[in-house]
Amino acid sequence: MKLVIMTQPTFFVEEDKILTALFDEGMDNLHLYKPGAPPMYSERLLSLLPESMYSKITVHENYYLKNEYGLAGIHLDSEDKEPPVDYKGKYSRTCYNVDNLGTMKKKSEYVFLYGVFGKQQGDNVHSCLTRAQLEDLSRQGLIDKRVYACGGLSLDNVREAKELGFGGVVVCEALWNKFDIHNELDYKELISHFEKLRKVVS
């Protein structure tokens, strides 16, 4: 099972150090998610990371960064968005409506199925899927190694995602909540939590 780490939506001072430490601990799939931020900030963050990490980073928005930095691929956050016309590389996408999951799987390297165990903070639009719905999707073969559980993932439900047949999990808040970006410099607790997640996933 794959472990995807999604960045905080905002930039912060210690971010490059924490991301480098996570890569050193074995992170191999980072999604650079900074909605609405000027691209120069993403460029600056990337320039502070070791170049050997670039092939493990997928970018949301500002897709030109993929070629400029030799990143792993791009991610499409909306169901009706298509890759740029001249784009030739790998891409993944987020599915918000299970009725579209089968079609989206055919077009993408992998798909984030949103709302599996919860919603992102401040998201009042998308409802969570019930256990019965998830089991039904699993029985139909719609949940497989190319579908990653997204939304509300934590140490407590990663095993459940594995049992349902998800090929990966997308972790954001459960990891970043271990570090106060405004008041802390020590991120040992965050790194320790990442190590626990890796053990559960493997």
Protein backbone atom coordinates (compact mmCIF):
# COMPACT_ATOMS: atom_id res chain seq x y z
CA MET A 1 0.00 0.00 0.00
CA LYS A 2 1.26 3.48 -0.93
CA LEU A 3 1.53 6.37 1.50
CA VAL A 4 0.96 9.81 -0.04
CA ILE A 5 1.73 12.90 2.01
CA MET A 6 -0.07 16.10 1.04
CA THR A 7 1.57 19.39 1.98
CA GLN A 8 -0.10 22.00 4.12
CA PRO A 9 -2.08 24.36 1.84
CA THR A 10 -0.03 27.32 3.14
CA PHE A 11 3.75 27.84 3.19
CA PHE A 12 5.65 28.11 6.48
CA VAL A 13 9.22 28.72 7.64
CA GLU A 14 10.33 25.20 8.57
CA GLU A 15 8.62 23.49 5.62
CA ASP A 16 11.69 22.70 3.50
CA LYS A 17 13.53 21.24 6.51
CA ILE A 18 10.56 19.05 7.49
CA LEU A 19 9.99 17.82 3.92
CA THR A 20 13.69 16.99 3.54
CA ALA A 21 13.58 15.07 6.85
CA LEU A 22 10.47 13.17 5.67
CA PHE A 23 12.20 12.22 2.41
CA ASP A 24 15.20 11.06 4.45
CA GLU A 25 12.80 8.87 6.47
CA GLY A 26 11.48 7.20 3.32
CA MET A 27 8.68 9.42 2.00
CA ASP A 28 8.40 8.58 -1.70
CA ASN A 29 5.19 10.34 -2.78
CA LEU A 30 4.67 14.00 -1.86
CA HIS A 31 1.84 16.06 -3.32
CA LEU A 32 2.69 19.76 -3.46
CA TYR A 33 -0.72 21.30 -2.77
CA LYS A 34 -0.76 25.10 -2.41
CA PRO A 35 -4.11 26.23 -3.83
CA GLY A 36 -4.15 29.79 -5.12
CA ALA A 37 -0.57 30.57 -4.03
CA PRO A 38 1.70 32.51 -6.41
CA PRO A 39 3.92 30.02 -8.30
CA MET A 40 7.11 31.81 -7.19
CA TYR A 41 6.55 30.47 -3.65
CA SER A 42 6.38 26.88 -4.92
CA GLU A 43 9.53 27.51 -6.96
CA ARG A 44 11.31 28.80 -3.89
CA LEU A 45 10.25 25.76 -1.81
CA LEU A 46 11.40 23.37 -4.54
CA SER A 47 14.73 25.17 -4.84
CA LEU A 48 15.34 24.55 -1.12
CA LEU A 49 14.81 20.78 -1.45
CA PRO A 50 17.52 18.37 -2.65
CA GLU A 51 17.19 17.75 -6.40
CA SER A 52 17.19 14.00 -5.76
CA MET A 53 13.72 14.44 -4.19
CA TYR A 54 12.09 16.04 -7.26
CA SER A 55 11.18 12.73 -8.88
CA LYS A 56 9.01 11.93 -5.82
CA ILE A 57 6.93 15.13 -5.98
CA THR A 58 3.61 15.61 -7.77
CA VAL A 59 2.36 19.16 -8.27
CA HIS A 60 -1.20 20.52 -8.02
CA GLU A 61 -1.61 23.68 -10.16
CA ASN A 62 1.31 25.52 -11.84
CA TYR A 63 1.89 22.47 -14.00
CA TYR A 64 4.91 23.98 -15.75
CA LEU A 65 6.86 23.14 -12.58
CA LYS A 66 6.68 19.47 -13.56
CA ASN A 67 9.05 19.92 -16.50
CA GLU A 68 11.07 22.74 -15.02
CA TYR A 69 12.06 20.70 -11.96
CA GLY A 70 11.69 17.15 -13.32
CA LEU A 71 8.83 16.31 -10.96
CA ALA A 72 6.97 12.98 -10.92
CA GLY A 73 3.75 14.29 -12.43
CA ILE A 74 0.74 16.57 -12.06
CA HIS A 75 -2.54 16.19 -10.16
CA LEU A 76 -5.93 17.42 -11.32
CA ASP A 77 -8.09 18.55 -8.39
CA SER A 78 -11.35 18.95 -10.26
CA GLU A 79 -13.25 16.22 -12.07
CA ASP A 80 -13.87 18.26 -15.20
CA LYS A 81 -10.28 19.43 -15.56
CA GLU A 82 -8.11 17.86 -18.25
CA PRO A 83 -4.29 17.86 -18.48
CA PRO A 84 -2.76 20.66 -20.57
CA VAL A 85 -3.04 19.90 -24.30
CA ASP A 86 0.71 19.52 -24.78
CA TYR A 87 1.23 17.52 -21.55
CA LYS A 88 2.87 14.12 -22.05
CA GLY A 89 3.67 12.86 -18.54
CA LYS A 90 1.89 11.02 -15.73
CA TYR A 91 -1.09 12.49 -13.97
CA SER A 92 -3.41 11.62 -11.12
CA ARG A 93 -6.73 13.17 -10.15
CA THR A 94 -9.30 13.50 -7.37
CA CYS A 95 -12.73 11.87 -7.65
CA TYR A 96 -15.56 13.44 -5.64
CA ASN A 97 -18.41 11.42 -7.15
CA VAL A 98 -18.19 7.62 -7.01
CA ASP A 99 -20.26 7.39 -10.21
CA ASN A 100 -17.23 8.78 -12.06
CA LEU A 101 -14.64 6.54 -10.40
CA GLY A 102 -14.52 3.82 -13.06
CA THR A 103 -14.03 6.32 -15.90
CA MET A 104 -11.42 8.33 -14.01
CA LYS A 105 -9.38 5.22 -13.21
CA LYS A 106 -9.02 4.48 -16.92
CA LYS A 107 -7.60 7.93 -17.62
CA SER A 108 -5.25 8.39 -14.65
CA GLU A 109 -2.23 6.73 -13.13
CA TYR A 110 -4.09 6.73 -9.80
CA VAL A 111 -7.16 8.40 -8.33
CA PHE A 112 -7.77 9.99 -4.92
CA LEU A 113 -11.27 8.96 -3.81
CA TYR A 114 -12.37 11.90 -1.69
CA GLY A 115 -14.43 11.78 1.50
CA VAL A 116 -13.58 8.22 2.51
CA PHE A 117 -13.26 8.79 6.27
CA GLY A 118 -13.91 12.50 6.56
CA LYS A 119 -13.51 15.88 4.95
CA GLN A 120 -10.68 18.38 4.93
CA GLN A 121 -11.04 21.27 7.37
CA GLY A 122 -13.35 23.96 6.10
CA ASP A 123 -14.88 21.68 3.49
CA ASN A 124 -18.66 21.80 3.82
CA VAL A 125 -19.46 20.61 0.32
CA HIS A 126 -18.52 16.95 0.03
CA SER A 127 -20.20 14.30 2.17
CA CYS A 128 -18.34 11.34 3.64
CA LEU A 129 -18.85 7.86 2.27
CA THR A 130 -20.44 5.27 4.56
CA ARG A 131 -18.82 1.94 5.38
CA ALA A 132 -21.60 0.20 3.42
CA GLN A 133 -20.88 2.35 0.34
CA LEU A 134 -17.16 1.60 0.59
CA GLU A 135 -17.75 -2.14 0.93
CA ASP A 136 -20.04 -2.03 -2.09
CA LEU A 137 -17.41 -0.21 -4.16
CA SER A 138 -14.86 -2.79 -3.06
CA ARG A 139 -17.14 -5.68 -4.06
CA GLN A 140 -17.64 -4.10 -7.49
CA GLY A 141 -13.87 -3.92 -7.96
CA LEU A 142 -13.95 -0.13 -8.17
CA ILE A 143 -11.61 0.15 -5.19
CA ASP A 144 -8.26 -1.33 -6.15
CA LYS A 145 -4.51 -0.60 -6.16
CA ARG A 146 -5.01 2.49 -8.34
CA VAL A 147 -7.51 4.11 -5.97
CA TYR A 148 -6.19 5.93 -2.90
CA ALA A 149 -8.33 6.80 0.13
CA CYS A 150 -8.43 10.56 0.72
CA GLY A 151 -10.07 12.56 3.49
CA GLY A 152 -9.94 11.98 7.23
CA LEU A 153 -7.04 9.51 7.10
CA SER A 154 -5.29 8.80 10.40
CA LEU A 155 -3.37 6.02 12.12
CA ASP A 156 -6.71 4.67 13.35
CA ASN A 157 -8.25 4.00 9.94
CA VAL A 158 -5.31 3.19 7.64
CA ARG A 159 -5.79 -0.54 8.36
CA GLU A 160 -9.47 -0.19 7.46
CA ALA A 161 -8.49 1.36 4.12
CA LYS A 162 -6.15 -1.57 3.53
CA GLU A 163 -8.92 -4.07 4.32
CA LEU A 164 -11.22 -2.35 1.83
CA GLY A 165 -8.61 -2.83 -0.91
CA PHE A 166 -7.34 0.71 -1.40
CA GLY A 167 -3.96 0.87 -3.10
CA GLY A 168 -2.88 3.86 -1.05
CA VAL A 169 -3.84 6.49 1.50
CA VAL A 170 -3.49 10.28 1.34
CA VAL A 171 -2.50 11.84 4.66
CA CYS A 172 -2.54 15.56 5.35
CA GLU A 173 -3.94 16.94 8.60
CA ALA A 174 -3.23 13.83 10.69
CA LEU A 175 0.47 14.45 10.07
CA TRP A 176 0.67 18.25 10.03
CA ASN A 177 -1.41 18.54 13.21
CA LYS A 178 1.67 17.16 15.00
CA PHE A 179 3.51 20.44 14.40
CA ASP A 180 2.39 23.99 15.19
CA ILE A 181 3.69 26.00 12.23
CA HIS A 182 3.30 29.26 14.18
CA ASN A 183 4.96 28.38 17.48
CA GLU A 184 7.23 25.35 17.11
CA LEU A 185 10.70 24.64 15.73
CA ASP A 186 11.03 21.04 16.92
CA TYR A 187 9.33 18.64 14.51
CA LYS A 188 10.42 15.32 16.06
CA GLU A 189 6.82 14.41 16.92
CA LEU A 190 5.79 14.88 13.29
CA ILE A 191 8.64 12.68 12.02
CA SER A 192 7.79 10.05 14.65
CA HIS A 193 4.16 10.07 13.51
CA PHE A 194 5.26 9.62 9.89
CA GLU A 195 7.30 6.56 10.91
CA LYS A 196 4.21 5.07 12.60
CA LEU A 197 2.15 5.68 9.45
CA ARG A 198 4.79 4.00 7.30
CA LYS A 199 4.78 0.90 9.52
CA VAL A 200 0.99 0.57 9.36
CA VAL A 201 0.94 1.05 5.58
CA SER A 202 3.74 -1.42 4.80
